[in-house]
Amino acid sequence: MFKKILIPTDGSPLSAQAANAGICFARSVGAEVVSLHVTQPFAATIGFDGMAAAYAITDEDYEKASAEQAEKYLKQILDRADTAGVKAQSRAVSNFNVADGIVQAASENGCDIIFIGSHGRSGLSRLLLGSVTAKVLSLATIAVLVYRVKEDKEKK
C-alpha cells in the first residue's frame, strides 16, 4: 500500500522516537524511507529576538551550522534504517514554514505518506508553541500518520 514514507525530524529525542517507529512501520509494509530535516532560512532568525545581531552571526555561519546539524540528525535516521534493513535516503531543505517544507518535500520525493510525531500538546501550550504536525495535517494532500510520542516523565 505505502511504498515511500517521509519521516521528518527536528533532532529532538521525541522526534527520534517517532523516526524509530516510522522505520519499523516502513519495514513492516516493505516501504522505503525519505528522512527529512527542514531548517528555516537565515532571514527568519533576524525576526523578533534579533538573534543574528546579538550573536554577530553571518548568513554563511548560519547556513554552515544548519547544514552540519541537518547532516547529524539525518545520519541518525539513515543508520537506524540501515540496521533495520530499510532502504533510506535523506533530504535537507530550507523553508520559512517548516510544515510547508515537509509537505513540499513529500511531493517532490514521490512519498505517499508522511510519518510524523506529535507531542500531544493541547490548550494554551499548543496555542503558544504551535504544532507543526497540525499544520502538516491541514496542508497535506497525501496520507499522514501521526505517532504520539511518549515523553519521559522522570526528566521533567
Protein backbone atom coordinates (compact mmCIF):
# COMPACT_ATOMS: atom_id res chain seq x y z
CA MET A 1 0.00 0.00 0.00
CA PHE A 2 2.67 2.54 1.01
CA LYS A 3 5.90 2.50 -0.98
CA LYS A 4 7.73 5.63 0.16
CA ILE A 5 7.42 7.16 3.62
CA LEU A 6 8.60 10.66 4.54
CA ILE A 7 9.92 10.88 8.11
CA PRO A 8 10.69 14.46 9.20
CA THR A 9 12.99 15.09 12.15
CA ASP A 10 13.97 18.11 14.21
CA GLY A 11 16.70 16.17 16.02
CA SER A 12 14.91 16.04 19.37
CA PRO A 13 14.69 12.81 21.38
CA LEU A 14 10.93 12.75 20.80
CA SER A 15 11.46 13.15 17.06
CA ALA A 16 13.98 10.28 17.18
CA GLN A 17 11.36 8.15 18.92
CA ALA A 18 8.87 8.86 16.12
CA ALA A 19 11.55 8.15 13.48
CA ASN A 20 12.26 4.75 15.06
CA ALA A 21 8.56 3.92 14.92
CA GLY A 22 8.41 5.15 11.32
CA ILE A 23 11.29 2.90 10.32
CA CYS A 24 9.58 -0.08 11.99
CA PHE A 25 6.40 0.79 10.12
CA ALA A 26 8.33 1.03 6.84
CA ARG A 27 9.91 -2.37 7.45
CA SER A 28 6.50 -3.93 8.22
CA VAL A 29 4.94 -2.67 4.97
CA GLY A 30 8.04 -3.11 2.79
CA ALA A 31 8.42 0.61 2.09
CA GLU A 32 11.45 2.82 1.71
CA VAL A 33 12.09 5.93 3.79
CA VAL A 34 12.95 9.51 2.98
CA SER A 35 14.25 11.24 6.10
CA LEU A 36 13.86 15.00 6.14
CA HIS A 37 15.16 17.94 8.15
CA VAL A 38 13.71 21.37 7.48
CA THR A 39 15.67 24.44 8.50
CA GLN A 40 14.44 27.97 8.37
CA PRO A 41 16.45 30.43 6.29
CA PHE A 42 18.82 32.88 7.95
CA ALA A 43 16.37 35.75 7.39
CA ALA A 44 13.88 34.00 9.71
CA THR A 45 16.33 34.24 12.63
CA ILE A 46 16.60 38.02 12.43
CA GLY A 47 12.94 38.40 13.38
CA PHE A 48 11.64 39.23 16.80
CA ASP A 49 14.58 38.39 19.04
CA GLY A 50 17.37 39.93 16.99
CA MET A 51 19.40 36.73 17.38
CA ALA A 52 21.69 37.45 14.44
CA ALA A 53 22.61 40.90 15.71
CA ALA A 54 23.06 39.77 19.30
CA TYR A 55 25.47 36.98 18.40
CA ALA A 56 27.01 38.57 15.32
CA ILE A 57 26.11 35.52 13.22
CA THR A 58 26.60 35.83 9.49
CA ASP A 59 24.36 34.11 6.99
CA GLU A 60 27.32 31.92 5.93
CA ASP A 61 27.91 30.81 9.53
CA TYR A 62 24.22 30.09 9.97
CA GLU A 63 23.98 28.10 6.73
CA LYS A 64 27.08 26.07 7.61
CA ALA A 65 25.83 25.30 11.13
CA SER A 66 22.38 24.39 9.80
CA ALA A 67 23.85 22.02 7.20
CA GLU A 68 26.04 20.31 9.82
CA GLN A 69 23.11 19.95 12.18
CA ALA A 70 20.86 18.53 9.44
CA GLU A 71 23.54 16.03 8.42
CA LYS A 72 23.88 14.84 12.03
CA TYR A 73 20.11 14.41 12.52
CA LEU A 74 19.60 12.69 9.17
CA LYS A 75 22.56 10.33 9.65
CA GLN A 76 20.95 9.00 12.82
CA ILE A 77 17.83 8.04 10.87
CA LEU A 78 19.80 6.59 7.95
CA ASP A 79 21.83 4.47 10.40
CA ARG A 80 18.66 3.18 12.09
CA ALA A 81 17.11 2.35 8.72
CA ASP A 82 20.26 0.53 7.63
CA THR A 83 20.23 -1.53 10.85
CA ALA A 84 16.56 -2.39 10.22
CA GLY A 85 17.22 -3.33 6.60
CA VAL A 86 15.07 -0.49 5.27
CA LYS A 87 16.13 1.38 2.13
CA ALA A 88 16.52 5.05 3.02
CA GLN A 89 17.65 8.39 1.66
CA SER A 90 17.81 11.80 3.25
CA ARG A 91 16.96 15.37 2.34
CA ALA A 92 17.63 18.70 3.99
CA VAL A 93 15.56 21.67 2.85
CA SER A 94 15.08 25.26 3.91
CA ASN A 95 11.67 26.88 4.22
CA PHE A 96 10.28 29.77 6.28
CA ASN A 97 7.39 27.47 7.24
CA VAL A 98 8.52 24.04 8.46
CA ALA A 99 5.15 22.41 7.73
CA ASP A 100 5.21 23.74 4.15
CA GLY A 101 8.73 22.36 3.77
CA ILE A 102 7.58 18.93 4.92
CA VAL A 103 4.58 18.81 2.60
CA GLN A 104 6.61 20.08 -0.39
CA ALA A 105 9.39 17.57 0.26
CA ALA A 106 6.88 14.73 0.38
CA SER A 107 5.53 15.77 -3.00
CA GLU A 108 8.94 16.36 -4.60
CA ASN A 109 10.23 12.97 -3.42
CA GLY A 110 7.18 10.97 -4.51
CA CYS A 111 6.19 9.98 -0.98
CA ASP A 112 2.73 8.54 -0.43
CA ILE A 113 2.60 9.02 3.35
CA ILE A 114 4.14 11.31 5.96
CA PHE A 115 5.00 9.64 9.27
CA ILE A 116 5.30 12.39 11.86
CA GLY A 117 5.50 12.56 15.62
CA SER A 118 3.32 14.67 17.88
CA HIS A 119 3.88 15.75 21.47
CA GLY A 120 0.14 15.76 22.06
CA ARG A 121 0.05 19.28 23.42
CA SER A 122 -3.30 20.97 23.75
CA GLY A 123 -4.80 24.18 25.01
CA LEU A 124 -2.54 27.12 25.77
CA SER A 125 0.75 25.29 25.23
CA ARG A 126 -0.34 24.28 21.72
CA LEU A 127 -1.51 27.81 21.00
CA LEU A 128 1.77 29.33 22.19
CA LEU A 129 4.13 26.71 20.79
CA GLY A 130 2.17 25.90 17.66
CA SER A 131 2.06 22.48 16.15
CA VAL A 132 3.99 21.60 13.04
CA THR A 133 2.08 18.31 12.95
CA ALA A 134 -1.30 20.08 12.99
CA LYS A 135 -0.15 22.36 10.17
CA VAL A 136 1.10 19.36 8.15
CA LEU A 137 -2.29 17.70 8.62
CA SER A 138 -4.05 20.78 7.28
CA LEU A 139 -1.70 21.18 4.28
CA ALA A 140 -1.04 17.61 3.17
CA THR A 141 -2.80 16.06 0.21
CA ILE A 142 -1.38 12.60 0.97
CA ALA A 143 -1.85 10.33 3.98
CA VAL A 144 -0.35 11.48 7.28
CA LEU A 145 0.26 9.04 10.11
CA VAL A 146 0.66 10.83 13.44
CA TYR A 147 2.67 8.94 16.02
CA ARG A 148 2.05 10.04 19.60
CA VAL A 149 5.47 10.16 21.19
CA LYS A 150 5.86 9.16 24.81
CA GLU A 151 7.59 11.77 26.93
CA ASP A 152 9.85 10.55 29.72
CA LYS A 153 8.05 11.77 32.87
CA GLU A 154 11.18 11.31 35.01
CA LYS A 155 13.09 14.01 33.09
CA LYS A 156 10.50 16.68 33.83
